[in-house]
N, C-alpha and C. Protein backbone atom coordinates (compact mmCIF):
# COMPACT_ATOMS: atom_id res chain seq x y z
N MET A 1 116.80 51.68 -176.18
CA MET A 1 115.57 51.22 -176.80
C MET A 1 114.78 52.40 -176.83
N THR A 2 114.23 52.56 -178.02
CA THR A 2 113.23 53.78 -178.26
C THR A 2 111.79 53.52 -177.54
N GLU A 3 111.30 54.55 -177.24
CA GLU A 3 109.81 54.38 -176.55
C GLU A 3 108.83 54.63 -177.67
N GLU A 4 108.37 53.68 -178.48
CA GLU A 4 107.54 53.57 -179.66
C GLU A 4 106.41 52.60 -179.37
N THR A 5 105.23 52.90 -179.88
CA THR A 5 104.12 51.96 -179.83
C THR A 5 103.27 52.04 -181.05
N ASN A 6 102.69 51.08 -181.48
CA ASN A 6 101.63 51.21 -182.60
C ASN A 6 100.40 51.86 -182.09
N ALA A 7 99.89 52.92 -182.54
CA ALA A 7 98.84 53.42 -182.30
C ALA A 7 97.67 53.52 -183.19
N ALA A 8 96.54 53.60 -182.79
CA ALA A 8 95.56 53.91 -183.74
C ALA A 8 95.25 55.23 -184.30
N GLU A 9 94.54 55.43 -185.32
CA GLU A 9 94.33 56.96 -185.72
C GLU A 9 93.80 57.79 -184.64
N ALA A 10 94.17 58.96 -184.86
CA ALA A 10 93.89 60.01 -183.78
C ALA A 10 92.65 60.77 -184.22
N SER A 11 91.75 61.20 -183.16
CA SER A 11 90.65 61.91 -183.43
C SER A 11 90.83 63.40 -182.83
N ALA A 12 90.94 64.31 -183.66
CA ALA A 12 91.20 65.64 -182.92
C ALA A 12 89.82 66.38 -182.57
N GLU A 13 90.04 67.08 -181.54
CA GLU A 13 88.81 68.10 -181.02
C GLU A 13 89.21 69.39 -181.14
N SER A 14 88.90 69.91 -182.22
CA SER A 14 89.39 71.48 -182.68
C SER A 14 88.87 72.53 -181.54
N THR A 15 87.57 72.18 -181.08
CA THR A 15 86.94 73.11 -180.20
C THR A 15 87.62 73.17 -179.07
N SER A 16 88.18 72.20 -178.33
CA SER A 16 88.80 72.21 -177.02
C SER A 16 90.24 72.18 -177.22
N GLY A 17 90.81 72.08 -178.38
CA GLY A 17 92.37 72.02 -178.53
C GLY A 17 92.86 70.90 -177.97
N SER A 18 92.16 69.92 -177.77
CA SER A 18 92.85 68.63 -177.28
C SER A 18 92.82 67.54 -178.25
N LEU A 19 93.72 66.34 -178.04
CA LEU A 19 93.84 65.32 -178.90
C LEU A 19 93.68 63.99 -178.17
N SER A 20 93.01 63.06 -178.70
CA SER A 20 92.69 61.87 -177.96
C SER A 20 93.64 60.83 -178.77
N LEU A 21 94.43 60.04 -177.96
CA LEU A 21 95.37 59.18 -178.64
C LEU A 21 95.15 57.77 -177.59
N ASP A 22 95.58 56.66 -178.16
CA ASP A 22 95.36 55.46 -177.27
C ASP A 22 96.79 55.34 -176.55
N THR A 23 97.58 56.34 -176.35
CA THR A 23 98.70 56.20 -175.49
C THR A 23 99.01 57.54 -174.63
N ILE A 24 99.34 57.31 -173.47
CA ILE A 24 99.54 58.59 -172.69
C ILE A 24 100.64 58.26 -171.45
N TYR A 25 101.40 59.21 -170.97
CA TYR A 25 102.25 59.03 -170.04
C TYR A 25 101.87 59.52 -168.78
N GLY A 26 102.10 58.88 -167.66
CA GLY A 26 101.58 59.31 -166.38
C GLY A 26 102.71 59.01 -165.42
N VAL A 27 102.39 59.07 -163.93
CA VAL A 27 103.32 58.78 -162.95
C VAL A 27 102.74 57.66 -161.91
N LYS A 28 103.31 56.65 -161.57
CA LYS A 28 102.99 55.78 -160.70
C LYS A 28 102.92 56.48 -159.37
N ALA A 29 101.58 56.57 -158.87
CA ALA A 29 101.60 57.15 -157.48
C ALA A 29 101.70 56.14 -156.30
N GLY A 30 101.47 54.86 -156.47
CA GLY A 30 101.45 53.95 -155.63
C GLY A 30 100.40 52.95 -155.70
N MET A 31 99.99 51.99 -154.73
CA MET A 31 99.14 51.05 -154.67
C MET A 31 98.13 51.17 -153.55
N THR A 32 96.95 50.92 -153.86
CA THR A 32 95.81 50.97 -152.57
C THR A 32 94.86 49.94 -152.98
N ARG A 33 93.80 49.80 -152.34
CA ARG A 33 92.59 49.00 -152.52
C ARG A 33 91.25 49.78 -152.42
N ILE A 34 90.20 49.14 -153.36
CA ILE A 34 89.08 49.67 -153.33
C ILE A 34 88.21 48.42 -153.17
N PHE A 35 86.88 48.76 -152.87
CA PHE A 35 85.89 47.83 -152.86
C PHE A 35 84.71 48.03 -153.99
N ASP A 36 84.53 47.02 -154.73
CA ASP A 36 83.36 46.97 -155.80
C ASP A 36 82.11 47.11 -155.17
N GLU A 37 81.00 46.89 -156.10
CA GLU A 37 79.56 47.11 -155.70
C GLU A 37 79.25 45.82 -154.92
N ALA A 38 79.91 44.76 -155.08
CA ALA A 38 79.60 43.38 -154.28
C ALA A 38 80.35 43.35 -153.13
N GLY A 39 81.11 44.47 -152.86
CA GLY A 39 82.00 44.29 -151.57
C GLY A 39 83.23 43.43 -151.62
N ASN A 40 83.68 43.24 -152.98
CA ASN A 40 84.91 42.47 -153.13
C ASN A 40 86.06 43.41 -153.06
N HIS A 41 87.17 42.95 -152.49
CA HIS A 41 88.47 43.74 -152.34
C HIS A 41 89.14 43.61 -153.69
N VAL A 42 89.54 44.76 -154.24
CA VAL A 42 90.15 44.93 -155.39
C VAL A 42 91.61 45.76 -155.23
N PRO A 43 92.58 45.09 -155.56
CA PRO A 43 93.92 45.78 -155.39
C PRO A 43 94.21 46.69 -156.48
N VAL A 44 94.60 47.79 -156.57
CA VAL A 44 94.73 48.74 -157.67
C VAL A 44 95.96 49.66 -157.64
N THR A 45 96.51 50.08 -158.85
CA THR A 45 97.55 50.79 -158.77
C THR A 45 97.03 52.30 -159.30
N VAL A 46 97.57 53.32 -158.59
CA VAL A 46 97.01 54.70 -158.91
C VAL A 46 97.90 55.17 -159.71
N ILE A 47 97.71 55.70 -161.08
CA ILE A 47 98.29 56.46 -162.05
C ILE A 47 97.83 58.04 -161.83
N LYS A 48 98.81 58.74 -161.76
CA LYS A 48 98.67 60.17 -161.71
C LYS A 48 98.75 60.82 -163.10
N LEU A 49 97.49 61.36 -163.76
CA LEU A 49 97.55 61.86 -164.98
C LEU A 49 98.28 63.35 -165.11
N ILE A 50 99.43 63.29 -165.82
CA ILE A 50 99.86 64.57 -166.05
C ILE A 50 99.69 65.17 -167.24
N PRO A 51 100.09 66.27 -167.52
CA PRO A 51 99.95 67.03 -168.75
C PRO A 51 100.78 66.48 -170.05
N ASN A 52 100.31 66.04 -171.04
CA ASN A 52 100.92 65.33 -172.27
C ASN A 52 100.78 66.44 -173.39
N HIS A 53 101.62 66.86 -174.25
CA HIS A 53 101.49 67.82 -175.42
C HIS A 53 102.11 67.25 -176.75
N ILE A 54 101.49 67.45 -177.77
CA ILE A 54 102.20 67.29 -178.95
C ILE A 54 103.39 68.22 -179.10
N THR A 55 104.58 67.78 -179.30
CA THR A 55 105.82 68.78 -179.35
C THR A 55 106.33 68.61 -180.63
N GLN A 56 106.10 67.69 -181.49
CA GLN A 56 106.54 67.51 -182.93
C GLN A 56 105.65 66.52 -183.64
N VAL A 57 105.50 66.69 -184.94
CA VAL A 57 104.67 65.88 -185.79
C VAL A 57 105.64 65.38 -186.85
N LYS A 58 105.89 64.07 -186.92
CA LYS A 58 106.86 63.53 -187.92
C LYS A 58 106.07 62.83 -189.03
N THR A 59 106.52 63.36 -190.33
CA THR A 59 105.62 62.81 -191.45
C THR A 59 106.53 61.98 -192.41
N LEU A 60 105.84 61.28 -193.33
CA LEU A 60 106.79 60.56 -194.38
C LEU A 60 107.45 61.38 -195.24
N ALA A 61 106.94 62.69 -195.49
CA ALA A 61 107.85 63.48 -196.30
C ALA A 61 109.21 64.04 -195.78
N THR A 62 109.03 64.38 -194.46
CA THR A 62 110.26 64.88 -193.80
C THR A 62 111.03 63.85 -192.99
N ASP A 63 110.40 62.82 -192.54
CA ASP A 63 111.10 61.91 -191.60
C ASP A 63 111.17 60.41 -192.05
N GLY A 64 110.29 60.14 -193.12
CA GLY A 64 110.35 58.54 -193.48
C GLY A 64 109.26 58.05 -192.81
N TYR A 65 108.66 58.43 -191.74
CA TYR A 65 107.58 57.69 -190.98
C TYR A 65 106.57 58.63 -190.30
N GLU A 66 105.42 58.24 -189.79
CA GLU A 66 104.54 59.04 -189.20
C GLU A 66 104.51 58.76 -187.72
N ALA A 67 104.74 59.84 -186.89
CA ALA A 67 104.60 59.73 -185.52
C ALA A 67 104.39 61.03 -184.77
N TYR A 68 103.79 61.01 -183.68
CA TYR A 68 103.78 62.27 -182.67
C TYR A 68 104.65 62.07 -181.73
N GLN A 69 105.46 63.31 -181.41
CA GLN A 69 106.31 63.35 -180.30
C GLN A 69 105.52 64.03 -179.19
N LEU A 70 105.50 63.43 -177.99
CA LEU A 70 104.96 63.71 -176.85
C LEU A 70 105.97 64.17 -175.85
N GLY A 71 105.42 65.58 -175.34
CA GLY A 71 106.25 66.00 -174.33
C GLY A 71 105.56 65.87 -172.88
N TYR A 72 106.27 65.58 -171.84
CA TYR A 72 105.80 65.42 -170.63
C TYR A 72 106.80 65.71 -169.34
N TYR A 73 106.39 65.81 -168.27
CA TYR A 73 107.12 66.01 -166.97
C TYR A 73 107.83 67.56 -167.12
N GLU A 74 107.08 68.27 -166.33
CA GLU A 74 107.50 69.70 -166.43
C GLU A 74 108.61 69.92 -165.28
N LYS A 75 109.35 70.92 -165.42
CA LYS A 75 110.37 71.43 -164.54
C LYS A 75 110.60 73.00 -164.47
N ARG A 76 111.10 73.34 -163.55
CA ARG A 76 111.19 74.80 -163.61
C ARG A 76 111.84 75.39 -164.59
N GLU A 77 111.49 76.67 -165.06
CA GLU A 77 111.89 77.20 -166.40
C GLU A 77 113.65 77.31 -166.45
N LYS A 78 114.29 77.62 -165.17
CA LYS A 78 115.71 77.85 -165.34
C LYS A 78 116.33 76.29 -165.37
N LEU A 79 115.60 75.37 -165.25
CA LEU A 79 116.15 73.78 -165.32
C LEU A 79 116.19 73.28 -166.56
N VAL A 80 115.53 74.11 -167.61
CA VAL A 80 115.19 73.53 -168.93
C VAL A 80 116.27 74.08 -169.81
N LYS A 81 117.12 73.24 -170.72
CA LYS A 81 118.07 73.77 -171.47
C LYS A 81 117.31 74.74 -172.75
N LYS A 82 118.22 75.50 -173.11
CA LYS A 82 117.73 76.55 -174.17
C LYS A 82 117.34 75.87 -175.38
N ALA A 83 118.04 74.72 -175.78
CA ALA A 83 117.64 74.00 -177.20
C ALA A 83 116.37 73.38 -176.78
N THR A 84 115.90 73.07 -175.52
CA THR A 84 114.59 72.40 -175.40
C THR A 84 113.49 73.45 -175.30
N LYS A 85 113.86 74.74 -174.63
CA LYS A 85 113.07 75.81 -174.75
C LYS A 85 112.61 76.24 -176.20
N GLY A 86 113.69 76.12 -177.10
CA GLY A 86 113.32 76.57 -178.47
C GLY A 86 112.37 75.39 -179.15
N HIS A 87 112.67 74.29 -178.97
CA HIS A 87 111.92 73.21 -179.49
C HIS A 87 110.51 73.29 -178.96
N LEU A 88 110.18 73.66 -177.69
CA LEU A 88 108.83 73.76 -177.25
C LEU A 88 108.14 74.99 -177.71
N SER A 89 108.85 76.33 -177.83
CA SER A 89 108.48 77.20 -178.62
C SER A 89 108.01 77.14 -179.98
N LYS A 90 108.79 76.48 -180.55
CA LYS A 90 108.43 76.18 -181.94
C LYS A 90 107.03 75.45 -182.14
N ALA A 91 106.61 74.64 -181.10
CA ALA A 91 105.50 73.96 -181.01
C ALA A 91 104.27 74.53 -180.42
N SER A 92 104.68 75.74 -179.95
CA SER A 92 103.68 76.90 -179.15
C SER A 92 103.18 76.08 -177.87
N VAL A 93 104.29 75.55 -177.20
CA VAL A 93 103.82 74.55 -175.92
C VAL A 93 104.54 75.39 -174.85
N GLU A 94 103.71 75.95 -173.94
CA GLU A 94 104.15 76.89 -172.91
C GLU A 94 104.72 75.90 -171.55
N ASN A 95 104.40 74.83 -171.48
CA ASN A 95 104.92 74.03 -170.45
C ASN A 95 106.36 73.70 -170.65
N ASN A 96 107.11 73.65 -169.44
CA ASN A 96 108.64 73.39 -169.55
C ASN A 96 108.91 71.89 -169.43
N TYR A 97 108.61 71.16 -170.50
CA TYR A 97 108.84 69.78 -170.55
C TYR A 97 110.24 69.33 -170.72
N VAL A 98 110.66 68.28 -170.01
CA VAL A 98 112.08 67.75 -170.31
C VAL A 98 112.30 66.32 -170.58
N ARG A 99 111.01 65.64 -170.84
CA ARG A 99 111.02 64.11 -171.47
C ARG A 99 110.06 64.12 -172.53
N PHE A 100 110.54 63.36 -173.50
CA PHE A 100 109.90 63.20 -174.60
C PHE A 100 109.83 61.78 -175.14
N ALA A 101 108.79 61.29 -175.84
CA ALA A 101 108.72 60.12 -176.49
C ALA A 101 107.90 60.17 -177.86
N GLU A 102 108.09 59.21 -178.55
CA GLU A 102 107.32 59.12 -179.73
C GLU A 102 106.33 58.11 -179.70
N VAL A 103 105.04 58.32 -180.63
CA VAL A 103 104.01 57.29 -180.64
C VAL A 103 103.78 57.26 -182.09
N ARG A 104 104.00 56.13 -182.59
CA ARG A 104 103.64 55.86 -184.12
C ARG A 104 102.16 55.82 -184.36
N THR A 105 101.87 56.71 -185.22
CA THR A 105 100.38 56.96 -185.58
C THR A 105 100.30 56.98 -187.07
N GLU A 106 99.29 56.40 -187.49
CA GLU A 106 98.93 56.50 -189.05
C GLU A 106 98.17 57.59 -189.26
N GLY A 107 98.43 58.40 -190.35
CA GLY A 107 97.48 59.68 -190.78
C GLY A 107 97.68 60.91 -189.69
N VAL A 108 99.01 61.30 -189.41
CA VAL A 108 99.23 62.38 -188.54
C VAL A 108 98.77 63.66 -189.22
N ASP A 109 98.44 64.67 -188.51
CA ASP A 109 97.88 65.88 -188.96
C ASP A 109 98.94 67.06 -188.27
N ALA A 110 99.47 67.87 -189.14
CA ALA A 110 100.41 68.88 -188.74
C ALA A 110 99.53 69.84 -187.76
N ALA A 111 98.12 70.04 -187.93
CA ALA A 111 97.40 70.88 -187.16
C ALA A 111 97.23 70.60 -185.82
N ASN A 112 97.70 69.25 -185.40
CA ASN A 112 97.75 68.96 -184.09
C ASN A 112 98.91 69.17 -183.22
N LEU A 113 99.87 69.91 -183.74
CA LEU A 113 101.09 70.26 -183.12
C LEU A 113 100.72 71.28 -181.98
N GLY A 114 101.13 71.04 -180.81
CA GLY A 114 100.94 71.76 -179.72
C GLY A 114 99.55 71.46 -178.75
N LYS A 115 98.92 70.50 -179.40
CA LYS A 115 97.68 70.19 -178.57
C LYS A 115 98.01 69.28 -177.41
N GLU A 116 97.22 69.28 -176.44
CA GLU A 116 97.21 68.55 -175.21
C GLU A 116 96.47 67.25 -175.26
N LEU A 117 97.10 66.29 -174.77
CA LEU A 117 96.46 64.84 -175.00
C LEU A 117 95.36 64.68 -173.96
N SER A 118 94.38 63.99 -174.25
CA SER A 118 93.21 63.49 -173.30
C SER A 118 93.09 61.96 -173.25
N ALA A 119 93.08 61.44 -172.03
CA ALA A 119 93.17 59.99 -171.88
C ALA A 119 91.90 59.45 -172.53
N GLU A 120 91.79 58.57 -173.33
CA GLU A 120 90.53 57.97 -173.92
C GLU A 120 90.23 56.67 -173.29
N PHE A 121 90.85 56.25 -172.35
CA PHE A 121 90.62 54.93 -171.76
C PHE A 121 89.41 55.00 -170.76
N GLY A 122 88.50 53.87 -170.77
CA GLY A 122 87.45 54.05 -170.03
C GLY A 122 87.46 52.64 -168.97
N ALA A 123 86.61 52.81 -168.05
CA ALA A 123 86.37 51.53 -167.25
C ALA A 123 86.05 50.33 -167.88
N ASN A 124 86.69 49.24 -167.30
CA ASN A 124 86.59 47.97 -167.82
C ASN A 124 87.28 47.76 -169.43
N THR A 125 88.07 48.61 -169.75
CA THR A 125 88.87 48.43 -170.86
C THR A 125 90.15 47.92 -170.34
N TYR A 126 91.10 47.50 -171.23
CA TYR A 126 92.57 46.84 -170.95
C TYR A 126 93.48 47.72 -171.66
N VAL A 127 94.53 47.86 -170.87
CA VAL A 127 95.78 48.49 -171.34
C VAL A 127 96.97 47.69 -171.06
N ASP A 128 98.07 48.32 -171.83
CA ASP A 128 99.50 47.70 -171.59
C ASP A 128 100.19 48.73 -170.88
N VAL A 129 100.94 48.39 -170.02
CA VAL A 129 101.56 49.50 -169.11
C VAL A 129 103.09 49.21 -169.19
N THR A 130 104.01 50.17 -169.54
CA THR A 130 105.54 50.09 -169.72
C THR A 130 106.19 50.87 -168.58
N GLY A 131 106.96 50.39 -167.77
CA GLY A 131 107.78 51.10 -167.03
C GLY A 131 109.17 50.73 -166.70
N THR A 132 109.89 51.28 -165.84
CA THR A 132 111.26 50.87 -165.66
C THR A 132 111.21 50.07 -164.29
N THR A 133 111.75 48.90 -164.21
CA THR A 133 111.52 48.11 -163.02
C THR A 133 112.36 48.63 -161.90
N LYS A 134 112.25 48.06 -160.73
CA LYS A 134 113.01 48.61 -159.53
C LYS A 134 114.27 47.96 -159.73
N GLY A 135 115.38 48.60 -159.42
CA GLY A 135 116.66 48.08 -159.46
C GLY A 135 117.17 47.42 -158.13
N LYS A 136 117.72 46.25 -158.25
CA LYS A 136 118.09 45.51 -157.25
C LYS A 136 119.62 45.35 -157.02
N GLY A 137 120.33 45.83 -157.92
CA GLY A 137 121.87 46.03 -157.73
C GLY A 137 122.44 44.47 -158.19
N PHE A 138 123.44 44.20 -157.68
CA PHE A 138 124.05 42.87 -158.05
C PHE A 138 123.58 41.81 -157.27
N GLN A 139 122.99 40.73 -157.82
CA GLN A 139 122.46 39.64 -157.06
C GLN A 139 122.80 38.23 -157.46
N GLY A 140 122.74 37.53 -156.68
CA GLY A 140 123.09 36.10 -156.92
C GLY A 140 122.12 35.30 -157.78
N GLN A 141 122.43 34.03 -157.97
CA GLN A 141 121.54 33.36 -158.96
C GLN A 141 120.34 32.95 -158.30
N MET A 142 120.47 32.55 -157.07
CA MET A 142 118.95 32.39 -156.49
C MET A 142 118.02 33.35 -156.65
N LYS A 143 118.41 34.69 -156.22
CA LYS A 143 117.31 35.60 -156.25
C LYS A 143 117.12 36.15 -157.61
N ARG A 144 118.19 36.25 -158.53
CA ARG A 144 118.20 36.81 -159.78
C ARG A 144 117.27 35.94 -160.70
N HIS A 145 117.53 34.63 -160.75
CA HIS A 145 116.97 33.53 -161.77
C HIS A 145 116.04 32.54 -160.91
N ASN A 146 115.87 32.73 -159.70
CA ASN A 146 114.91 31.88 -158.90
C ASN A 146 115.52 30.48 -158.79
N PHE A 147 116.81 30.28 -158.58
CA PHE A 147 117.28 28.95 -158.44
C PHE A 147 116.97 28.41 -157.19
N ALA A 148 116.76 27.10 -156.97
CA ALA A 148 116.53 26.24 -155.58
C ALA A 148 117.54 26.31 -154.69
N GLY A 149 118.83 26.29 -155.14
CA GLY A 149 119.88 26.09 -154.20
C GLY A 149 120.17 24.64 -153.97
N GLY A 150 121.05 24.41 -152.89
CA GLY A 150 121.25 22.87 -152.49
C GLY A 150 120.71 22.62 -151.18
N PRO A 151 120.72 21.54 -150.82
CA PRO A 151 120.41 21.10 -149.39
C PRO A 151 120.83 21.97 -148.24
N ALA A 152 120.07 22.20 -147.32
CA ALA A 152 120.50 23.21 -146.10
C ALA A 152 121.17 22.38 -144.94
N THR A 153 121.04 20.87 -144.86
CA THR A 153 121.48 20.35 -143.75
C THR A 153 122.40 19.08 -144.36
N HIS A 154 122.52 18.06 -143.29
CA HIS A 154 123.03 16.78 -143.65
C HIS A 154 124.54 16.97 -144.15
N GLY A 155 125.23 17.90 -143.78
CA GLY A 155 126.67 18.16 -144.08
C GLY A 155 126.76 18.62 -145.59
N SER A 156 125.77 19.23 -146.08
CA SER A 156 126.00 19.72 -147.60
C SER A 156 126.90 20.86 -147.57
N LYS A 157 127.71 20.89 -148.55
CA LYS A 157 128.73 22.15 -148.76
C LYS A 157 128.09 23.12 -149.99
N PHE A 158 126.81 22.61 -150.30
CA PHE A 158 126.45 23.18 -151.50
C PHE A 158 124.93 23.91 -151.20
N HIS A 159 124.98 25.23 -150.85
CA HIS A 159 123.62 25.87 -150.38
C HIS A 159 123.10 27.00 -151.34
N ARG A 160 123.54 28.13 -151.27
CA ARG A 160 123.02 29.29 -152.04
C ARG A 160 124.00 29.72 -153.20
N ARG A 161 124.43 28.59 -154.04
CA ARG A 161 125.29 28.87 -155.12
C ARG A 161 124.66 28.13 -156.49
N GLY A 162 125.24 28.62 -157.54
CA GLY A 162 124.70 28.09 -158.91
C GLY A 162 125.65 26.68 -159.13
N GLY A 163 125.18 25.72 -159.68
CA GLY A 163 125.66 24.59 -160.23
C GLY A 163 126.74 24.79 -161.18
N SER A 164 127.16 23.61 -161.86
CA SER A 164 127.98 23.76 -163.05
C SER A 164 127.73 24.67 -164.15
N ILE A 165 128.55 25.25 -164.66
CA ILE A 165 128.56 26.40 -165.64
C ILE A 165 129.06 25.79 -167.05
N GLY A 166 129.45 24.42 -167.07
CA GLY A 166 129.94 23.82 -168.37
C GLY A 166 130.70 22.66 -168.16
N ASN A 167 131.17 21.96 -169.24
CA ASN A 167 132.03 20.67 -169.02
C ASN A 167 133.64 20.93 -169.25
N ARG A 168 134.32 20.07 -169.49
CA ARG A 168 135.70 20.12 -169.42
C ARG A 168 136.21 20.83 -170.87
N ALA A 169 137.04 20.13 -171.53
CA ALA A 169 137.41 20.37 -172.85
C ALA A 169 136.44 20.67 -173.85
N THR A 170 135.30 20.06 -173.70
CA THR A 170 134.27 20.24 -174.65
C THR A 170 132.96 20.69 -173.70
N PRO A 171 132.35 21.85 -174.01
CA PRO A 171 132.83 22.93 -175.07
C PRO A 171 133.99 23.82 -174.72
N GLY A 172 134.66 23.74 -173.53
CA GLY A 172 135.83 24.47 -173.23
C GLY A 172 135.48 26.07 -172.96
N LYS A 173 134.23 26.23 -172.90
CA LYS A 173 133.89 27.79 -172.57
C LYS A 173 132.49 27.68 -171.90
N VAL A 174 132.09 28.91 -171.56
CA VAL A 174 130.85 29.03 -170.75
C VAL A 174 129.92 29.76 -172.05
N TRP A 175 128.78 29.03 -172.35
CA TRP A 175 127.88 29.46 -173.39
C TRP A 175 127.15 30.77 -172.91
N LYS A 176 127.06 31.59 -174.02
CA LYS A 176 126.38 32.79 -173.92
C LYS A 176 125.00 32.71 -173.43
N ASN A 177 124.59 33.68 -172.60
CA ASN A 177 123.31 33.73 -172.00
C ASN A 177 123.04 32.81 -170.85
N LYS A 178 124.08 32.13 -170.17
CA LYS A 178 124.12 31.23 -169.15
C LYS A 178 123.50 32.11 -167.96
N ARG A 179 122.77 31.56 -167.26
CA ARG A 179 122.21 32.34 -166.02
C ARG A 179 123.09 32.40 -164.84
N MET A 180 123.74 33.42 -164.70
CA MET A 180 124.73 33.70 -163.60
C MET A 180 124.36 34.89 -162.93
N PRO A 181 125.39 35.18 -161.72
CA PRO A 181 125.04 36.42 -160.96
C PRO A 181 125.33 37.67 -161.77
N GLY A 182 124.78 38.86 -161.42
CA GLY A 182 124.72 39.99 -162.33
C GLY A 182 123.80 40.96 -161.73
N HIS A 183 123.73 42.12 -162.56
CA HIS A 183 122.90 43.17 -162.35
C HIS A 183 121.51 42.77 -162.59
N MET A 184 120.45 43.10 -161.64
CA MET A 184 119.08 42.70 -161.45
C MET A 184 118.20 43.97 -161.55
N GLY A 185 117.10 43.83 -162.38
CA GLY A 185 116.17 44.89 -162.37
C GLY A 185 116.68 46.16 -163.03
N ASP A 186 116.07 47.17 -162.90
CA ASP A 186 116.34 48.53 -163.60
C ASP A 186 116.23 48.39 -165.18
N LYS A 187 115.10 47.63 -165.76
CA LYS A 187 115.10 47.72 -167.27
C LYS A 187 113.52 47.82 -167.58
N GLN A 188 113.44 48.06 -168.89
CA GLN A 188 112.17 48.50 -169.31
C GLN A 188 111.36 47.06 -169.43
N GLN A 189 109.95 47.27 -168.89
CA GLN A 189 109.32 46.07 -168.89
C GLN A 189 107.87 46.29 -169.15
N THR A 190 107.02 45.61 -169.85
CA THR A 190 105.59 45.95 -170.21
C THR A 190 104.92 44.70 -169.55
N THR A 191 103.84 45.23 -168.87
CA THR A 191 102.71 44.17 -168.55
C THR A 191 101.49 44.44 -169.31
N GLN A 192 101.03 43.49 -169.78
CA GLN A 192 100.02 43.40 -170.86
C GLN A 192 98.63 43.12 -170.14
N ASN A 193 97.46 43.60 -170.78
CA ASN A 193 96.11 43.30 -170.66
C ASN A 193 95.84 43.61 -169.04
N ILE A 194 96.08 44.81 -168.48
CA ILE A 194 95.78 45.30 -167.42
C ILE A 194 94.42 45.99 -167.36
N MET A 195 93.46 45.69 -166.63
CA MET A 195 92.04 46.24 -166.51
C MET A 195 92.01 47.67 -165.83
N VAL A 196 91.29 48.72 -166.77
CA VAL A 196 91.26 50.00 -166.06
C VAL A 196 89.94 49.79 -165.08
N VAL A 197 90.24 50.26 -163.99
CA VAL A 197 88.93 50.24 -162.89
C VAL A 197 88.24 51.58 -163.09
N GLU A 198 89.09 52.65 -163.02
CA GLU A 198 88.33 53.81 -162.97
C GLU A 198 89.30 54.93 -163.51
N VAL A 199 88.68 56.07 -164.32
CA VAL A 199 89.34 57.01 -164.81
C VAL A 199 88.60 58.46 -164.30
N ASN A 200 89.47 59.24 -163.57
CA ASN A 200 88.91 60.44 -162.99
C ASN A 200 89.78 61.55 -163.72
N THR A 201 89.39 62.18 -164.69
CA THR A 201 90.20 63.29 -165.38
C THR A 201 89.95 64.61 -164.46
N GLU A 202 88.92 64.76 -163.54
CA GLU A 202 88.70 65.99 -162.91
C GLU A 202 89.77 66.09 -161.99
N LYS A 203 89.89 64.91 -161.24
CA LYS A 203 90.82 64.79 -160.08
C LYS A 203 92.29 64.35 -160.57
N GLY A 204 92.36 63.85 -161.83
CA GLY A 204 93.71 63.60 -162.45
C GLY A 204 94.29 62.27 -162.00
N TYR A 205 93.56 61.23 -162.09
CA TYR A 205 94.11 59.90 -161.67
C TYR A 205 93.36 58.68 -162.51
N MET A 206 94.15 57.61 -162.38
CA MET A 206 93.45 56.42 -163.12
C MET A 206 93.83 55.26 -162.32
N LEU A 207 92.82 54.40 -162.00
CA LEU A 207 93.14 53.02 -161.25
C LEU A 207 93.12 51.82 -162.23
N LEU A 208 94.29 51.15 -162.07
CA LEU A 208 94.50 50.01 -162.76
C LEU A 208 94.47 48.79 -161.92
N ARG A 209 93.93 47.91 -162.28
CA ARG A 209 93.83 46.50 -161.34
C ARG A 209 95.19 45.75 -161.24
N GLY A 210 95.46 45.55 -160.09
CA GLY A 210 96.73 44.91 -159.90
C GLY A 210 98.03 45.75 -159.85
N SER A 211 99.24 45.31 -160.00
CA SER A 211 100.28 46.07 -160.03
C SER A 211 100.90 46.21 -161.38
N VAL A 212 101.78 47.29 -161.54
CA VAL A 212 102.37 47.62 -162.78
C VAL A 212 103.94 47.81 -162.48
N PRO A 213 104.83 47.78 -163.61
CA PRO A 213 106.04 47.83 -163.38
C PRO A 213 106.52 49.20 -162.97
N GLY A 214 107.77 49.32 -162.24
CA GLY A 214 108.25 50.57 -161.84
C GLY A 214 107.98 50.81 -160.41
N SER A 215 108.69 51.84 -159.94
CA SER A 215 108.83 52.00 -158.57
C SER A 215 107.71 53.33 -158.38
N LYS A 216 107.59 53.70 -157.06
CA LYS A 216 106.59 54.87 -156.80
C LYS A 216 107.35 56.32 -157.37
N ASN A 217 106.29 56.89 -158.01
CA ASN A 217 106.86 58.20 -158.57
C ASN A 217 107.65 58.00 -159.81
N GLY A 218 107.59 56.71 -160.45
CA GLY A 218 108.21 56.60 -161.61
C GLY A 218 107.33 56.85 -162.74
N PHE A 219 107.83 57.12 -163.89
CA PHE A 219 107.00 57.40 -165.11
C PHE A 219 106.68 56.02 -165.89
N VAL A 220 105.40 55.96 -166.31
CA VAL A 220 104.74 54.81 -167.14
C VAL A 220 103.99 55.28 -168.11
N LYS A 221 104.17 54.41 -169.16
CA LYS A 221 103.45 54.51 -170.58
C LYS A 221 102.12 53.51 -170.44
N VAL A 222 100.99 54.26 -170.62
CA VAL A 222 99.72 53.56 -170.56
C VAL A 222 99.17 53.62 -172.09
N ALA A 223 99.05 52.48 -172.73
CA ALA A 223 98.68 52.30 -174.12
C ALA A 223 97.56 51.26 -174.13
N LYS A 224 96.67 51.43 -175.20
CA LYS A 224 95.64 50.42 -175.41
C LYS A 224 96.03 49.17 -175.83
N ALA A 225 95.61 48.13 -174.98
CA ALA A 225 96.12 46.61 -175.14
C ALA A 225 96.00 46.15 -176.54
N LEU A 226 97.25 45.66 -177.01
CA LEU A 226 97.23 45.05 -178.11
C LEU A 226 96.73 43.79 -178.43
N LYS A 227 96.43 42.82 -177.44
CA LYS A 227 96.07 41.67 -177.47
C LYS A 227 94.52 41.43 -176.96
N LYS A 228 93.90 42.59 -176.87
CA LYS A 228 92.57 42.47 -176.37
C LYS A 228 91.54 43.01 -177.48
């Protein structure tokens, strides 16, 4: 599944060489809690703000659609492939990025190639966060689909199992998408309408109210909420 999102028009700041988009990639640093002015306990997820650069500009003339390609997650130079180094060099980006994603944007400007992104999110605004959920391996129906199971006592032989998965000769098969045991987790998931509690660009972190998908040190996409 491609990592794309509908973004609003970008406003470039030529003096600082930065670009403000409504999408940015960060790292989930973990969870903690803070206290607001009224003394209420607020659980928050800490998002580490990492550098994001425009590594390619896709236009209608050359690609058939408009988008910015973002580069993020740096590695040591010797761990970066030569093809990737050439791609970054063409965009005049000195950072050794190894992960890339596209952000659909209307009215792209080729002059923004190589510019660094700046987070435009403010406190009390809402965002959608996309990440890869924690992998749980092979799990049964009760954990994977929250089945109730059978009675635990009174001589019951039916405990932590799924029930019937079909009839006899009719339909004579198991219907597709039947909820059965299998791989759980490790999939892309988006949580919508998460409130931004604080953004500190100097120290490089963002606080989001509640939990977000993914494990600690996993990459997440923070985008402007579509339904707010």
